Amino acid sequence: MNDLSPLTPEMRNHMASVASDRAKGWECVRQAVAPATDDFVAQLRDGTWVSRLLDSMAWTNEGGERLVTSARMILPYERGAAARSAESDLVELSHGNPGDEALATSCARQRDWCQAEADSWRSGDEEAGRKHRLQQFTDLDTSLLDRLLDHLSELTSGLHSDIHVVIARILTAFLVLESGRNLPDPR
C-alpha cells in the first residue's frame, strides 16, 4: 500500500530534471573510468567534460563547493592543451590506467537508471520513479561506491600523472554529492 501523497506536477518536473542531470553526471563518470578515448581527451582539453559534470550537479544549490573547487584544478590542463598534442594527452591518460570496462558498465547502469527515473517522473509514474531511485542508491551503497573509490585511489598512487589526480578528485567530489557521504580526497 502506497501511503505517499501524490506529487504536484511541478515537483515531478523538478524530480525529472534532477534525475536527468544526474544521468549526465554518471555519463561523465563512465567516461573517466573507461579506457581513455580520443573523444574523452577532446572533452578534457576543451573543458566540455568538466562543464558537463558541473552542470549535472547544479541542482544541489549547496554542498557543491567541493566539486567546483576540484573542477578548477583542471584549468591549467585545459589552458596548456594548445601546447600539447591530443595524441600525447591520450598516451598520458592511458599510461598506467587501462580503464575498467566493468566499472564503466556499472556507471552506465547508474546513468540509465537515472534517465529511467527522469522518464518515470515526467510520465507521472511516481512508483517507478521511486523504484529507479532506490535501485541507484542501493547499487551505490552496496558495491559501486567502494569500487569507484578503489579505482580513484589507484589513479592517484604510483607513477600516474597530475591529470589522473585531478580527475580522481573531481570524481570524488561528485561522489560526495551522489552518496551524501563525507569522502576524503584520494591520495
N, C-alpha and C. Protein backbone atom coordinates (compact mmCIF):
# COMPACT_ATOMS: atom_id res chain seq x y z
N MET A 1 0.85 -1.18 0.00
CA MET A 1 0.00 0.00 0.00
C MET A 1 0.89 1.24 0.00
N ASN A 2 0.61 2.15 -0.89
CA ASN A 2 1.39 3.37 -1.02
C ASN A 2 0.69 4.49 -0.26
N ASP A 3 1.27 4.93 0.85
CA ASP A 3 0.65 5.99 1.65
C ASP A 3 1.30 7.34 1.39
N LEU A 4 2.11 7.44 0.34
CA LEU A 4 2.72 8.72 -0.02
C LEU A 4 1.74 9.55 -0.82
N SER A 5 1.66 10.81 -0.50
CA SER A 5 0.79 11.70 -1.25
C SER A 5 1.37 11.91 -2.64
N PRO A 6 0.50 12.02 -3.64
CA PRO A 6 1.00 12.28 -5.00
C PRO A 6 1.73 13.63 -5.04
N LEU A 7 2.75 13.68 -5.85
CA LEU A 7 3.50 14.92 -6.02
C LEU A 7 2.77 15.85 -6.97
N THR A 8 3.01 17.12 -6.81
CA THR A 8 2.44 18.08 -7.75
C THR A 8 3.18 17.93 -9.08
N PRO A 9 2.56 18.36 -10.17
CA PRO A 9 3.26 18.32 -11.46
C PRO A 9 4.58 19.08 -11.44
N GLU A 10 4.61 20.20 -10.72
CA GLU A 10 5.85 20.97 -10.63
C GLU A 10 6.95 20.17 -9.93
N MET A 11 6.58 19.48 -8.86
CA MET A 11 7.56 18.68 -8.13
C MET A 11 8.03 17.50 -8.98
N ARG A 12 7.10 16.86 -9.70
CA ARG A 12 7.51 15.76 -10.59
C ARG A 12 8.46 16.26 -11.67
N ASN A 13 8.18 17.44 -12.22
CA ASN A 13 9.07 18.01 -13.24
C ASN A 13 10.44 18.32 -12.65
N HIS A 14 10.46 18.81 -11.42
CA HIS A 14 11.74 19.07 -10.75
C HIS A 14 12.51 17.77 -10.54
N MET A 15 11.82 16.74 -10.04
CA MET A 15 12.46 15.44 -9.83
C MET A 15 13.00 14.89 -11.15
N ALA A 16 12.23 15.05 -12.22
CA ALA A 16 12.67 14.58 -13.54
C ALA A 16 13.91 15.32 -14.00
N SER A 17 13.93 16.63 -13.78
CA SER A 17 15.08 17.44 -14.19
C SER A 17 16.33 17.04 -13.42
N VAL A 18 16.20 16.86 -12.12
CA VAL A 18 17.34 16.46 -11.29
C VAL A 18 17.86 15.09 -11.74
N ALA A 19 16.96 14.15 -11.94
CA ALA A 19 17.38 12.80 -12.35
C ALA A 19 18.05 12.83 -13.72
N SER A 20 17.53 13.63 -14.62
CA SER A 20 18.14 13.76 -15.95
C SER A 20 19.54 14.37 -15.85
N ASP A 21 19.68 15.39 -15.00
CA ASP A 21 21.00 15.99 -14.78
C ASP A 21 21.97 14.98 -14.18
N ARG A 22 21.50 14.21 -13.22
CA ARG A 22 22.35 13.21 -12.58
C ARG A 22 22.78 12.15 -13.59
N ALA A 23 21.91 11.81 -14.53
CA ALA A 23 22.28 10.85 -15.59
C ALA A 23 23.47 11.38 -16.38
N LYS A 24 23.47 12.67 -16.66
CA LYS A 24 24.59 13.28 -17.39
C LYS A 24 25.88 13.20 -16.57
N GLY A 25 25.76 13.38 -15.26
CA GLY A 25 26.93 13.25 -14.40
C GLY A 25 27.49 11.84 -14.41
N TRP A 26 26.61 10.86 -14.36
CA TRP A 26 27.08 9.47 -14.39
C TRP A 26 27.72 9.12 -15.73
N GLU A 27 27.27 9.75 -16.80
CA GLU A 27 27.94 9.54 -18.08
C GLU A 27 29.37 10.09 -18.02
N CYS A 28 29.56 11.21 -17.36
CA CYS A 28 30.92 11.75 -17.19
C CYS A 28 31.79 10.80 -16.37
N VAL A 29 31.21 10.22 -15.33
CA VAL A 29 31.96 9.26 -14.52
C VAL A 29 32.32 8.04 -15.37
N ARG A 30 31.36 7.57 -16.14
CA ARG A 30 31.60 6.41 -17.02
C ARG A 30 32.77 6.69 -17.95
N GLN A 31 32.77 7.87 -18.57
CA GLN A 31 33.85 8.22 -19.49
C GLN A 31 35.20 8.20 -18.79
N ALA A 32 35.24 8.68 -17.57
CA ALA A 32 36.50 8.82 -16.85
C ALA A 32 37.07 7.49 -16.37
N VAL A 33 36.22 6.50 -16.11
CA VAL A 33 36.73 5.22 -15.62
C VAL A 33 36.92 4.21 -16.74
N ALA A 34 36.36 4.47 -17.90
CA ALA A 34 36.54 3.59 -19.06
C ALA A 34 37.93 3.81 -19.65
N PRO A 35 38.39 2.91 -20.49
CA PRO A 35 39.64 3.18 -21.20
C PRO A 35 39.55 4.52 -21.92
N ALA A 36 40.62 5.29 -21.87
CA ALA A 36 40.63 6.63 -22.47
C ALA A 36 40.39 6.55 -23.98
N THR A 37 39.61 7.49 -24.48
CA THR A 37 39.30 7.58 -25.91
C THR A 37 39.67 8.96 -26.43
N ASP A 38 39.75 9.07 -27.74
CA ASP A 38 40.01 10.37 -28.36
C ASP A 38 38.93 11.38 -27.97
N ASP A 39 37.68 10.92 -27.91
CA ASP A 39 36.57 11.82 -27.56
C ASP A 39 36.72 12.34 -26.13
N PHE A 40 37.06 11.46 -25.20
CA PHE A 40 37.25 11.88 -23.81
C PHE A 40 38.39 12.88 -23.70
N VAL A 41 39.49 12.61 -24.39
CA VAL A 41 40.63 13.53 -24.39
C VAL A 41 40.20 14.90 -24.92
N ALA A 42 39.46 14.91 -26.01
CA ALA A 42 39.00 16.19 -26.59
C ALA A 42 38.13 16.94 -25.59
N GLN A 43 37.26 16.23 -24.88
CA GLN A 43 36.39 16.87 -23.90
C GLN A 43 37.17 17.39 -22.69
N LEU A 44 38.22 16.69 -22.31
CA LEU A 44 39.09 17.19 -21.23
C LEU A 44 39.82 18.45 -21.68
N ARG A 45 40.32 18.43 -22.89
CA ARG A 45 41.14 19.53 -23.41
C ARG A 45 40.33 20.81 -23.60
N ASP A 46 39.07 20.67 -24.02
CA ASP A 46 38.29 21.89 -24.29
C ASP A 46 37.36 22.28 -23.14
N GLY A 47 37.38 21.52 -22.05
CA GLY A 47 36.58 21.86 -20.88
C GLY A 47 35.17 21.32 -20.89
N THR A 48 34.79 20.63 -21.95
CA THR A 48 33.42 20.11 -22.05
C THR A 48 33.11 19.11 -20.95
N TRP A 49 34.05 18.21 -20.68
CA TRP A 49 33.79 17.16 -19.71
C TRP A 49 33.51 17.74 -18.33
N VAL A 50 34.37 18.62 -17.86
CA VAL A 50 34.19 19.17 -16.51
C VAL A 50 32.95 20.07 -16.47
N SER A 51 32.65 20.78 -17.55
CA SER A 51 31.44 21.62 -17.58
C SER A 51 30.19 20.76 -17.47
N ARG A 52 30.17 19.64 -18.17
CA ARG A 52 29.01 18.74 -18.09
C ARG A 52 28.85 18.17 -16.68
N LEU A 53 29.97 17.83 -16.07
CA LEU A 53 29.89 17.29 -14.71
C LEU A 53 29.38 18.36 -13.74
N LEU A 54 29.88 19.56 -13.86
CA LEU A 54 29.39 20.66 -13.01
C LEU A 54 27.91 20.92 -13.25
N ASP A 55 27.50 20.95 -14.51
CA ASP A 55 26.09 21.18 -14.83
C ASP A 55 25.20 20.09 -14.25
N SER A 56 25.72 18.87 -14.18
CA SER A 56 24.92 17.76 -13.68
C SER A 56 24.60 17.89 -12.19
N MET A 57 25.34 18.73 -11.49
CA MET A 57 25.14 18.90 -10.06
C MET A 57 24.67 20.31 -9.70
N ALA A 58 24.27 21.08 -10.69
CA ALA A 58 23.81 22.45 -10.44
C ALA A 58 22.59 22.48 -9.52
N TRP A 59 21.82 21.42 -9.50
CA TRP A 59 20.60 21.35 -8.69
C TRP A 59 20.89 21.35 -7.19
N THR A 60 22.12 21.08 -6.77
CA THR A 60 22.41 20.90 -5.35
C THR A 60 22.26 22.18 -4.53
N ASN A 61 22.44 23.33 -5.16
CA ASN A 61 22.34 24.63 -4.51
C ASN A 61 23.39 24.85 -3.43
N GLU A 62 23.61 23.86 -2.60
CA GLU A 62 24.66 23.96 -1.59
C GLU A 62 25.39 22.64 -1.56
N GLY A 63 26.56 22.65 -1.06
CA GLY A 63 27.32 21.41 -0.99
C GLY A 63 28.15 21.13 -2.23
N GLY A 64 27.96 21.92 -3.26
CA GLY A 64 28.71 21.72 -4.49
C GLY A 64 30.03 22.46 -4.52
N GLU A 65 30.36 23.15 -3.43
CA GLU A 65 31.60 23.93 -3.40
C GLU A 65 32.83 23.05 -3.64
N ARG A 66 32.84 21.89 -3.05
CA ARG A 66 33.99 21.00 -3.22
C ARG A 66 34.12 20.59 -4.68
N LEU A 67 33.00 20.33 -5.34
CA LEU A 67 33.04 19.96 -6.75
C LEU A 67 33.59 21.11 -7.59
N VAL A 68 33.11 22.32 -7.33
CA VAL A 68 33.59 23.49 -8.08
C VAL A 68 35.08 23.71 -7.82
N THR A 69 35.49 23.62 -6.57
CA THR A 69 36.91 23.80 -6.23
C THR A 69 37.76 22.74 -6.91
N SER A 70 37.31 21.50 -6.87
CA SER A 70 38.05 20.42 -7.52
C SER A 70 38.09 20.62 -9.03
N ALA A 71 36.98 21.07 -9.59
CA ALA A 71 36.91 21.27 -11.04
C ALA A 71 37.88 22.36 -11.50
N ARG A 72 38.10 23.34 -10.68
CA ARG A 72 39.04 24.41 -11.05
C ARG A 72 40.46 23.89 -11.23
N MET A 73 40.76 22.77 -10.60
CA MET A 73 42.10 22.20 -10.71
C MET A 73 42.43 21.77 -12.14
N ILE A 74 41.41 21.59 -12.97
CA ILE A 74 41.64 21.14 -14.33
C ILE A 74 41.98 22.30 -15.27
N LEU A 75 41.79 23.53 -14.82
CA LEU A 75 42.02 24.69 -15.69
C LEU A 75 43.43 24.74 -16.27
N PRO A 76 44.48 24.50 -15.50
CA PRO A 76 45.82 24.53 -16.11
C PRO A 76 45.97 23.48 -17.22
N TYR A 77 45.34 22.33 -17.05
CA TYR A 77 45.38 21.29 -18.08
C TYR A 77 44.72 21.79 -19.36
N GLU A 78 43.54 22.41 -19.21
CA GLU A 78 42.83 22.95 -20.37
C GLU A 78 43.64 24.05 -21.04
N ARG A 79 44.17 24.95 -20.24
CA ARG A 79 44.93 26.08 -20.80
C ARG A 79 46.17 25.63 -21.56
N GLY A 80 46.79 24.57 -21.11
CA GLY A 80 48.00 24.07 -21.75
C GLY A 80 47.76 23.15 -22.92
N ALA A 81 46.49 22.89 -23.23
CA ALA A 81 46.17 21.93 -24.29
C ALA A 81 46.76 22.32 -25.64
N ALA A 82 46.80 23.60 -25.94
CA ALA A 82 47.31 24.04 -27.24
C ALA A 82 48.79 23.71 -27.42
N ALA A 83 49.51 23.61 -26.32
CA ALA A 83 50.94 23.32 -26.39
C ALA A 83 51.23 21.82 -26.46
N ARG A 84 50.20 21.00 -26.32
CA ARG A 84 50.37 19.55 -26.35
C ARG A 84 49.51 18.98 -27.47
N SER A 85 49.89 17.83 -27.97
CA SER A 85 49.04 17.17 -28.96
C SER A 85 47.99 16.33 -28.23
N ALA A 86 46.86 16.15 -28.88
CA ALA A 86 45.82 15.29 -28.31
C ALA A 86 46.35 13.86 -28.18
N GLU A 87 47.19 13.46 -29.11
CA GLU A 87 47.75 12.11 -29.05
C GLU A 87 48.61 11.93 -27.80
N SER A 88 49.41 12.94 -27.46
CA SER A 88 50.24 12.82 -26.25
C SER A 88 49.38 12.80 -25.00
N ASP A 89 48.26 13.55 -25.02
CA ASP A 89 47.35 13.51 -23.87
C ASP A 89 46.70 12.13 -23.73
N LEU A 90 46.36 11.51 -24.86
CA LEU A 90 45.78 10.17 -24.82
C LEU A 90 46.78 9.17 -24.24
N VAL A 91 48.03 9.28 -24.66
CA VAL A 91 49.07 8.40 -24.12
C VAL A 91 49.22 8.63 -22.62
N GLU A 92 49.23 9.91 -22.21
CA GLU A 92 49.39 10.23 -20.79
C GLU A 92 48.23 9.67 -19.96
N LEU A 93 47.01 9.83 -20.46
CA LEU A 93 45.84 9.31 -19.73
C LEU A 93 45.85 7.79 -19.66
N SER A 94 46.34 7.15 -20.70
CA SER A 94 46.34 5.69 -20.75
C SER A 94 47.48 5.07 -19.97
N HIS A 95 48.55 5.82 -19.75
CA HIS A 95 49.73 5.30 -19.06
C HIS A 95 49.38 4.90 -17.62
N GLY A 96 49.52 3.63 -17.36
CA GLY A 96 49.25 3.13 -16.01
C GLY A 96 47.78 3.10 -15.66
N ASN A 97 46.92 3.40 -16.63
CA ASN A 97 45.48 3.43 -16.37
C ASN A 97 44.75 2.87 -17.59
N PRO A 98 44.65 1.55 -17.67
CA PRO A 98 43.98 0.97 -18.83
C PRO A 98 42.46 1.17 -18.82
N GLY A 99 41.94 1.72 -17.75
CA GLY A 99 40.49 1.86 -17.62
C GLY A 99 39.90 0.57 -17.07
N ASP A 100 38.66 0.63 -16.71
CA ASP A 100 37.98 -0.52 -16.12
C ASP A 100 36.62 -0.64 -16.78
N GLU A 101 36.53 -1.55 -17.76
CA GLU A 101 35.29 -1.73 -18.52
C GLU A 101 34.11 -2.13 -17.63
N ALA A 102 34.36 -3.03 -16.67
CA ALA A 102 33.27 -3.48 -15.80
C ALA A 102 32.75 -2.32 -14.95
N LEU A 103 33.65 -1.50 -14.47
CA LEU A 103 33.25 -0.34 -13.68
C LEU A 103 32.51 0.67 -14.55
N ALA A 104 32.99 0.86 -15.77
CA ALA A 104 32.31 1.76 -16.71
C ALA A 104 30.90 1.27 -17.00
N THR A 105 30.73 -0.04 -17.12
CA THR A 105 29.41 -0.62 -17.35
C THR A 105 28.49 -0.36 -16.16
N SER A 106 29.03 -0.48 -14.95
CA SER A 106 28.23 -0.19 -13.75
C SER A 106 27.82 1.28 -13.71
N CYS A 107 28.71 2.17 -14.12
CA CYS A 107 28.38 3.60 -14.17
C CYS A 107 27.33 3.88 -15.24
N ALA A 108 27.42 3.16 -16.36
CA ALA A 108 26.40 3.29 -17.41
C ALA A 108 25.04 2.84 -16.89
N ARG A 109 25.04 1.80 -16.06
CA ARG A 109 23.78 1.34 -15.47
C ARG A 109 23.19 2.42 -14.57
N GLN A 110 24.04 3.08 -13.77
CA GLN A 110 23.57 4.19 -12.94
C GLN A 110 22.97 5.29 -13.82
N ARG A 111 23.68 5.63 -14.89
CA ARG A 111 23.19 6.64 -15.84
C ARG A 111 21.82 6.25 -16.37
N ASP A 112 21.68 5.00 -16.78
CA ASP A 112 20.42 4.53 -17.35
C ASP A 112 19.29 4.54 -16.32
N TRP A 113 19.61 4.16 -15.08
CA TRP A 113 18.59 4.21 -14.03
C TRP A 113 18.16 5.64 -13.74
N CYS A 114 19.11 6.57 -13.75
CA CYS A 114 18.77 7.98 -13.55
C CYS A 114 17.85 8.46 -14.66
N GLN A 115 18.17 8.07 -15.90
CA GLN A 115 17.33 8.50 -17.01
C GLN A 115 15.95 7.85 -16.95
N ALA A 116 15.90 6.57 -16.55
CA ALA A 116 14.61 5.90 -16.38
C ALA A 116 13.80 6.57 -15.27
N GLU A 117 14.48 6.98 -14.21
CA GLU A 117 13.80 7.72 -13.14
C GLU A 117 13.21 9.02 -13.69
N ALA A 118 14.01 9.74 -14.45
CA ALA A 118 13.54 11.01 -15.03
C ALA A 118 12.32 10.77 -15.91
N ASP A 119 12.39 9.74 -16.74
CA ASP A 119 11.26 9.43 -17.62
C ASP A 119 10.02 9.07 -16.82
N SER A 120 10.21 8.35 -15.72
CA SER A 120 9.07 7.96 -14.87
C SER A 120 8.42 9.18 -14.23
N TRP A 121 9.24 10.08 -13.68
CA TRP A 121 8.68 11.29 -13.07
C TRP A 121 7.92 12.10 -14.13
N ARG A 122 8.51 12.23 -15.31
CA ARG A 122 7.86 13.02 -16.37
C ARG A 122 6.52 12.44 -16.77
N SER A 123 6.44 11.11 -16.80
CA SER A 123 5.20 10.46 -17.21
C SER A 123 4.17 10.40 -16.09
N GLY A 124 4.58 10.79 -14.88
CA GLY A 124 3.66 10.75 -13.74
C GLY A 124 3.67 9.43 -12.99
N ASP A 125 4.56 8.51 -13.37
CA ASP A 125 4.65 7.21 -12.70
C ASP A 125 5.58 7.33 -11.49
N GLU A 126 5.02 7.82 -10.40
CA GLU A 126 5.82 8.08 -9.20
C GLU A 126 6.39 6.81 -8.59
N GLU A 127 5.64 5.73 -8.64
CA GLU A 127 6.13 4.47 -8.08
C GLU A 127 7.39 4.01 -8.83
N ALA A 128 7.36 4.09 -10.15
CA ALA A 128 8.54 3.70 -10.93
C ALA A 128 9.70 4.66 -10.68
N GLY A 129 9.40 5.95 -10.53
CA GLY A 129 10.45 6.92 -10.23
C GLY A 129 11.15 6.59 -8.93
N ARG A 130 10.37 6.25 -7.92
CA ARG A 130 10.95 5.88 -6.62
C ARG A 130 11.74 4.57 -6.73
N LYS A 131 11.21 3.62 -7.50
CA LYS A 131 11.89 2.34 -7.68
C LYS A 131 13.27 2.55 -8.33
N HIS A 132 13.31 3.37 -9.37
CA HIS A 132 14.59 3.62 -10.04
C HIS A 132 15.56 4.36 -9.13
N ARG A 133 15.06 5.28 -8.34
CA ARG A 133 15.92 6.00 -7.39
C ARG A 133 16.49 5.01 -6.37
N LEU A 134 15.66 4.12 -5.87
CA LEU A 134 16.11 3.11 -4.91
C LEU A 134 17.18 2.20 -5.53
N GLN A 135 16.98 1.80 -6.79
CA GLN A 135 17.99 0.97 -7.47
C GLN A 135 19.35 1.67 -7.48
N GLN A 136 19.34 2.94 -7.80
CA GLN A 136 20.59 3.70 -7.88
C GLN A 136 21.32 3.70 -6.54
N PHE A 137 20.61 4.06 -5.50
CA PHE A 137 21.26 4.20 -4.20
C PHE A 137 21.61 2.86 -3.58
N THR A 138 20.81 1.84 -3.85
CA THR A 138 21.15 0.50 -3.36
C THR A 138 22.45 0.03 -4.02
N ASP A 139 22.56 0.20 -5.33
CA ASP A 139 23.76 -0.21 -6.05
C ASP A 139 24.97 0.59 -5.58
N LEU A 140 24.79 1.89 -5.41
CA LEU A 140 25.89 2.74 -4.97
C LEU A 140 26.35 2.33 -3.57
N ASP A 141 25.41 2.10 -2.68
CA ASP A 141 25.75 1.75 -1.29
C ASP A 141 26.30 0.34 -1.13
N THR A 142 25.84 -0.60 -1.95
CA THR A 142 26.26 -1.99 -1.73
C THR A 142 27.61 -2.32 -2.35
N SER A 143 27.98 -1.65 -3.44
CA SER A 143 29.28 -2.01 -4.02
C SER A 143 29.90 -0.92 -4.90
N LEU A 144 29.09 -0.20 -5.63
CA LEU A 144 29.66 0.69 -6.64
C LEU A 144 30.52 1.79 -6.04
N LEU A 145 30.09 2.38 -4.95
CA LEU A 145 30.88 3.45 -4.33
C LEU A 145 32.27 2.94 -3.94
N ASP A 146 32.33 1.79 -3.29
CA ASP A 146 33.63 1.24 -2.89
C ASP A 146 34.50 0.92 -4.10
N ARG A 147 33.90 0.37 -5.14
CA ARG A 147 34.66 0.05 -6.35
C ARG A 147 35.20 1.32 -7.00
N LEU A 148 34.38 2.35 -7.04
CA LEU A 148 34.84 3.62 -7.62
C LEU A 148 35.96 4.23 -6.79
N LEU A 149 35.79 4.23 -5.48
CA LEU A 149 36.83 4.79 -4.61
C LEU A 149 38.14 4.02 -4.73
N ASP A 150 38.06 2.71 -4.86
CA ASP A 150 39.28 1.91 -5.08
C ASP A 150 39.94 2.30 -6.39
N HIS A 151 39.14 2.46 -7.43
CA HIS A 151 39.68 2.84 -8.75
C HIS A 151 40.34 4.22 -8.66
N LEU A 152 39.69 5.15 -8.01
CA LEU A 152 40.24 6.50 -7.90
C LEU A 152 41.52 6.51 -7.07
N SER A 153 41.57 5.67 -6.06
CA SER A 153 42.79 5.56 -5.26
C SER A 153 43.94 5.03 -6.11
N GLU A 154 43.64 4.06 -6.96
CA GLU A 154 44.66 3.53 -7.86
C GLU A 154 45.16 4.60 -8.83
N LEU A 155 44.25 5.48 -9.26
CA LEU A 155 44.64 6.56 -10.18
C LEU A 155 45.67 7.49 -9.56
N THR A 156 45.60 7.65 -8.26
CA THR A 156 46.47 8.63 -7.61
C THR A 156 47.71 8.01 -6.98
N SER A 157 47.82 6.70 -7.03
CA SER A 157 49.01 6.06 -6.48
C SER A 157 49.94 5.66 -7.61
N GLY A 158 51.18 5.49 -7.30
CA GLY A 158 52.13 5.07 -8.32
C GLY A 158 52.59 6.22 -9.19
N LEU A 159 52.92 5.91 -10.42
CA LEU A 159 53.53 6.87 -11.33
C LEU A 159 52.53 7.47 -12.31
N HIS A 160 51.37 7.81 -11.84
CA HIS A 160 50.39 8.43 -12.72
C HIS A 160 50.65 9.93 -12.79
N SER A 161 50.05 10.57 -13.77
CA SER A 161 50.28 12.00 -13.97
C SER A 161 49.33 12.85 -13.14
N ASP A 162 49.60 14.14 -13.13
CA ASP A 162 48.76 15.08 -12.39
C ASP A 162 47.31 15.02 -12.84
N ILE A 163 47.07 14.80 -14.13
CA ILE A 163 45.69 14.79 -14.62
C ILE A 163 44.90 13.64 -13.99
N HIS A 164 45.57 12.53 -13.70
CA HIS A 164 44.88 11.44 -13.00
C HIS A 164 44.42 11.88 -11.61
N VAL A 165 45.27 12.61 -10.92
CA VAL A 165 44.93 13.10 -9.58
C VAL A 165 43.77 14.08 -9.66
N VAL A 166 43.81 14.97 -10.64
CA VAL A 166 42.73 15.95 -10.82
C VAL A 166 41.41 15.25 -11.11
N ILE A 167 41.41 14.32 -12.04
CA ILE A 167 40.18 13.59 -12.37
C ILE A 167 39.67 12.84 -11.14
N ALA A 168 40.56 12.20 -10.40
CA ALA A 168 40.15 11.45 -9.20
C ALA A 168 39.50 12.38 -8.17
N ARG A 169 40.06 13.55 -7.99
CA ARG A 169 39.48 14.49 -7.00
C ARG A 169 38.13 15.03 -7.47
N ILE A 170 38.02 15.31 -8.76
CA ILE A 170 36.74 15.80 -9.29
C ILE A 170 35.67 14.72 -9.11
N LEU A 171 36.00 13.49 -9.46
CA LEU A 171 35.02 12.41 -9.33
C LEU A 171 34.68 12.14 -7.87
N THR A 172 35.64 12.25 -6.97
CA THR A 172 35.35 12.07 -5.55
C THR A 172 34.37 13.14 -5.07
N ALA A 173 34.55 14.37 -5.51
CA ALA A 173 33.62 15.45 -5.14
C ALA A 173 32.22 15.16 -5.67
N PHE A 174 32.13 14.63 -6.88
CA PHE A 174 30.83 14.22 -7.43
C PHE A 174 30.21 13.12 -6.57
N LEU A 175 31.02 12.15 -6.18
CA LEU A 175 30.51 11.04 -5.37
C LEU A 175 30.07 11.48 -3.98
N VAL A 176 30.69 12.52 -3.44
CA VAL A 176 30.23 13.08 -2.17
C VAL A 176 28.78 13.54 -2.31
N LEU A 177 28.49 14.23 -3.39
CA LEU A 177 27.13 14.73 -3.61
C LEU A 177 26.16 13.59 -3.90
N GLU A 178 26.60 12.61 -4.66
CA GLU A 178 25.73 11.49 -5.01
C GLU A 178 25.44 10.59 -3.81
N SER A 179 26.44 10.35 -2.99
CA SER A 179 26.28 9.39 -1.89
C SER A 179 25.83 10.04 -0.58
N GLY A 180 26.06 11.35 -0.45
CA GLY A 180 25.77 12.01 0.81
C GLY A 180 26.80 11.72 1.89
N ARG A 181 27.91 11.12 1.50
CA ARG A 181 28.96 10.78 2.46
C ARG A 181 30.10 11.79 2.39
N ASN A 182 30.78 11.94 3.49
CA ASN A 182 31.96 12.80 3.55
C ASN A 182 33.16 11.94 3.19
N LEU A 183 33.58 12.01 1.93
CA LEU A 183 34.66 11.16 1.44
C LEU A 183 35.96 11.95 1.36
N PRO A 184 37.06 11.35 1.78
CA PRO A 184 38.35 12.05 1.66
C PRO A 184 38.82 12.03 0.21
N ASP A 185 39.61 13.04 -0.16
CA ASP A 185 40.22 13.03 -1.48
C ASP A 185 41.18 11.87 -1.58
N PRO A 186 41.23 11.22 -2.74
CA PRO A 186 42.22 10.15 -2.91
C PRO A 186 43.62 10.73 -2.87
N ARG A 187 44.56 9.98 -2.38
CA ARG A 187 45.94 10.46 -2.27
C ARG A 187 46.85 9.61 -3.11
